[in-house]
Amino acid sequence: MQIWLNEQAYSPSAATNLLALVAELALPEKAVAIAIGGDIIPRSQWQETALTDGIQVAVFQAIAGG
């Protein structure tokens, strides 16, 4: 399977849902937002949101600043 992750082709090794993708990418769950097709997916739905071939995923990380 190949997905589009932040507009770049990516083939997840074992991830089948958004929660597994976050773990595979070693991202901190609390400082990340994920959108599919431009729609933000609530963290409570990450486990039930399946990755499918060709899906467009955007990952945003919170950055502290002043």
N, C-alpha and C. Protein backbone atom coordinates (compact mmCIF):
# COMPACT_ATOMS: atom_id res chain seq x y z
N MET A 1 0.85 -1.17 0.00
CA MET A 1 0.00 0.00 0.00
C MET A 1 0.90 1.24 0.00
N GLN A 2 0.44 2.23 -0.71
CA GLN A 2 1.14 3.52 -0.75
C GLN A 2 0.14 4.62 -0.41
N ILE A 3 0.55 5.51 0.50
CA ILE A 3 -0.28 6.66 0.85
C ILE A 3 0.50 7.92 0.49
N TRP A 4 -0.18 9.04 0.55
CA TRP A 4 0.49 10.34 0.36
C TRP A 4 0.56 10.99 1.73
N LEU A 5 1.76 11.17 2.23
CA LEU A 5 2.00 11.73 3.54
C LEU A 5 2.66 13.08 3.37
N ASN A 6 1.94 14.14 3.73
CA ASN A 6 2.43 15.50 3.51
C ASN A 6 2.92 15.69 2.08
N GLU A 7 2.11 15.23 1.14
CA GLU A 7 2.31 15.38 -0.30
C GLU A 7 3.51 14.61 -0.85
N GLN A 8 3.99 13.60 -0.09
CA GLN A 8 5.06 12.74 -0.57
C GLN A 8 4.60 11.29 -0.46
N ALA A 9 4.97 10.49 -1.44
CA ALA A 9 4.60 9.07 -1.42
C ALA A 9 5.27 8.40 -0.22
N TYR A 10 4.51 7.55 0.46
CA TYR A 10 5.02 6.84 1.63
C TYR A 10 4.34 5.47 1.68
N SER A 11 5.13 4.45 1.95
CA SER A 11 4.59 3.10 2.08
C SER A 11 4.73 2.65 3.52
N PRO A 12 3.64 2.68 4.29
CA PRO A 12 3.72 2.25 5.69
C PRO A 12 4.06 0.77 5.77
N SER A 13 4.94 0.42 6.73
CA SER A 13 5.36 -0.97 6.84
C SER A 13 4.27 -1.86 7.42
N ALA A 14 3.64 -1.42 8.49
CA ALA A 14 2.62 -2.25 9.11
C ALA A 14 1.38 -1.45 9.52
N ALA A 15 1.44 -0.14 9.40
CA ALA A 15 0.33 0.70 9.86
C ALA A 15 -0.90 0.49 9.00
N THR A 16 -2.03 0.25 9.67
CA THR A 16 -3.30 0.08 8.96
C THR A 16 -4.32 1.15 9.34
N ASN A 17 -3.97 1.96 10.37
CA ASN A 17 -4.85 3.05 10.77
C ASN A 17 -4.00 4.24 11.21
N LEU A 18 -4.64 5.36 11.50
CA LEU A 18 -3.89 6.56 11.83
C LEU A 18 -3.09 6.42 13.12
N LEU A 19 -3.63 5.75 14.12
CA LEU A 19 -2.91 5.58 15.38
C LEU A 19 -1.63 4.78 15.16
N ALA A 20 -1.70 3.73 14.36
CA ALA A 20 -0.51 2.93 14.06
C ALA A 20 0.48 3.73 13.22
N LEU A 21 0.00 4.60 12.35
CA LEU A 21 0.89 5.44 11.55
C LEU A 21 1.67 6.40 12.44
N VAL A 22 0.99 7.00 13.42
CA VAL A 22 1.66 7.90 14.36
C VAL A 22 2.76 7.15 15.11
N ALA A 23 2.47 5.92 15.52
CA ALA A 23 3.47 5.10 16.22
C ALA A 23 4.63 4.75 15.28
N GLU A 24 4.31 4.36 14.05
CA GLU A 24 5.36 4.00 13.08
C GLU A 24 6.29 5.17 12.80
N LEU A 25 5.74 6.37 12.76
CA LEU A 25 6.54 7.57 12.49
C LEU A 25 7.19 8.13 13.76
N ALA A 26 6.93 7.49 14.90
CA ALA A 26 7.47 7.90 16.20
C ALA A 26 7.11 9.36 16.52
N LEU A 27 5.86 9.71 16.26
CA LEU A 27 5.39 11.07 16.53
C LEU A 27 4.74 11.11 17.91
N PRO A 28 4.87 12.23 18.60
CA PRO A 28 4.19 12.36 19.89
C PRO A 28 2.69 12.57 19.66
N GLU A 29 1.86 11.75 20.27
CA GLU A 29 0.41 11.84 20.04
C GLU A 29 -0.19 13.18 20.45
N LYS A 30 0.32 13.78 21.51
CA LYS A 30 -0.30 14.98 22.06
C LYS A 30 -0.01 16.25 21.27
N ALA A 31 1.06 16.28 20.49
CA ALA A 31 1.43 17.51 19.78
C ALA A 31 1.24 17.39 18.28
N VAL A 32 0.30 16.53 17.87
CA VAL A 32 0.11 16.25 16.45
C VAL A 32 -1.36 16.38 16.08
N ALA A 33 -1.61 16.92 14.91
CA ALA A 33 -2.95 16.93 14.31
C ALA A 33 -2.83 16.24 12.96
N ILE A 34 -3.87 15.52 12.57
CA ILE A 34 -3.86 14.79 11.31
C ILE A 34 -5.10 15.16 10.51
N ALA A 35 -4.88 15.39 9.22
CA ALA A 35 -5.99 15.67 8.31
C ALA A 35 -5.97 14.65 7.17
N ILE A 36 -7.14 14.28 6.73
CA ILE A 36 -7.29 13.43 5.55
C ILE A 36 -8.16 14.20 4.58
N GLY A 37 -7.62 14.42 3.40
CA GLY A 37 -8.36 15.17 2.40
C GLY A 37 -8.76 16.56 2.86
N GLY A 38 -7.95 17.16 3.75
CA GLY A 38 -8.22 18.50 4.23
C GLY A 38 -9.10 18.57 5.46
N ASP A 39 -9.63 17.43 5.92
CA ASP A 39 -10.49 17.41 7.11
C ASP A 39 -9.70 16.88 8.31
N ILE A 40 -9.65 17.65 9.39
CA ILE A 40 -8.97 17.22 10.60
C ILE A 40 -9.71 16.03 11.20
N ILE A 41 -8.96 15.00 11.54
CA ILE A 41 -9.53 13.80 12.16
C ILE A 41 -9.29 13.89 13.67
N PRO A 42 -10.36 13.88 14.48
CA PRO A 42 -10.17 13.94 15.93
C PRO A 42 -9.33 12.76 16.43
N ARG A 43 -8.50 13.01 17.42
CA ARG A 43 -7.64 11.97 17.98
C ARG A 43 -8.45 10.75 18.41
N SER A 44 -9.66 10.96 18.88
CA SER A 44 -10.52 9.85 19.32
C SER A 44 -10.90 8.91 18.18
N GLN A 45 -10.69 9.35 16.93
CA GLN A 45 -11.04 8.52 15.76
C GLN A 45 -9.82 7.94 15.05
N TRP A 46 -8.62 8.18 15.55
CA TRP A 46 -7.42 7.71 14.87
C TRP A 46 -7.39 6.19 14.73
N GLN A 47 -7.77 5.47 15.80
CA GLN A 47 -7.70 4.02 15.74
C GLN A 47 -8.70 3.44 14.74
N GLU A 48 -9.84 4.05 14.59
CA GLU A 48 -10.86 3.52 13.69
C GLU A 48 -10.76 4.07 12.26
N THR A 49 -9.82 5.00 12.02
CA THR A 49 -9.67 5.56 10.68
C THR A 49 -8.61 4.78 9.92
N ALA A 50 -9.07 3.96 8.98
CA ALA A 50 -8.20 3.07 8.23
C ALA A 50 -7.40 3.81 7.16
N LEU A 51 -6.19 3.32 6.97
CA LEU A 51 -5.38 3.80 5.85
C LEU A 51 -5.73 2.96 4.63
N THR A 52 -5.95 3.62 3.51
CA THR A 52 -6.24 2.92 2.26
C THR A 52 -5.27 3.39 1.19
N ASP A 53 -5.09 2.58 0.19
CA ASP A 53 -4.15 2.90 -0.88
C ASP A 53 -4.51 4.24 -1.51
N GLY A 54 -3.52 5.13 -1.59
CA GLY A 54 -3.71 6.42 -2.23
C GLY A 54 -4.27 7.52 -1.35
N ILE A 55 -4.60 7.21 -0.10
CA ILE A 55 -5.17 8.21 0.81
C ILE A 55 -4.18 9.36 1.02
N GLN A 56 -4.71 10.57 1.14
CA GLN A 56 -3.88 11.76 1.34
C GLN A 56 -3.94 12.17 2.81
N VAL A 57 -2.80 12.01 3.49
CA VAL A 57 -2.70 12.29 4.92
C VAL A 57 -1.77 13.48 5.13
N ALA A 58 -2.21 14.43 5.93
CA ALA A 58 -1.35 15.57 6.29
C ALA A 58 -1.16 15.53 7.80
N VAL A 59 0.10 15.60 8.23
CA VAL A 59 0.44 15.58 9.65
C VAL A 59 1.01 16.94 10.01
N PHE A 60 0.46 17.53 11.09
CA PHE A 60 0.91 18.82 11.56
C PHE A 60 1.40 18.66 12.99
N GLN A 61 2.58 19.20 13.29
CA GLN A 61 3.11 19.16 14.64
C GLN A 61 3.05 20.55 15.25
N ALA A 62 2.61 20.61 16.50
CA ALA A 62 2.56 21.87 17.22
C ALA A 62 3.99 22.31 17.55
N ILE A 63 4.25 23.59 17.38
CA ILE A 63 5.56 24.15 17.66
C ILE A 63 5.38 25.30 18.64
N ALA A 64 6.09 25.23 19.73
CA ALA A 64 6.01 26.31 20.73
C ALA A 64 6.86 27.48 20.28
N GLY A 65 6.40 28.65 20.58
CA GLY A 65 7.15 29.83 20.18
C GLY A 65 6.60 31.07 20.87
N GLY A 66 7.22 32.15 20.58
CA GLY A 66 6.78 33.34 21.27
C GLY A 66 6.63 34.52 20.40
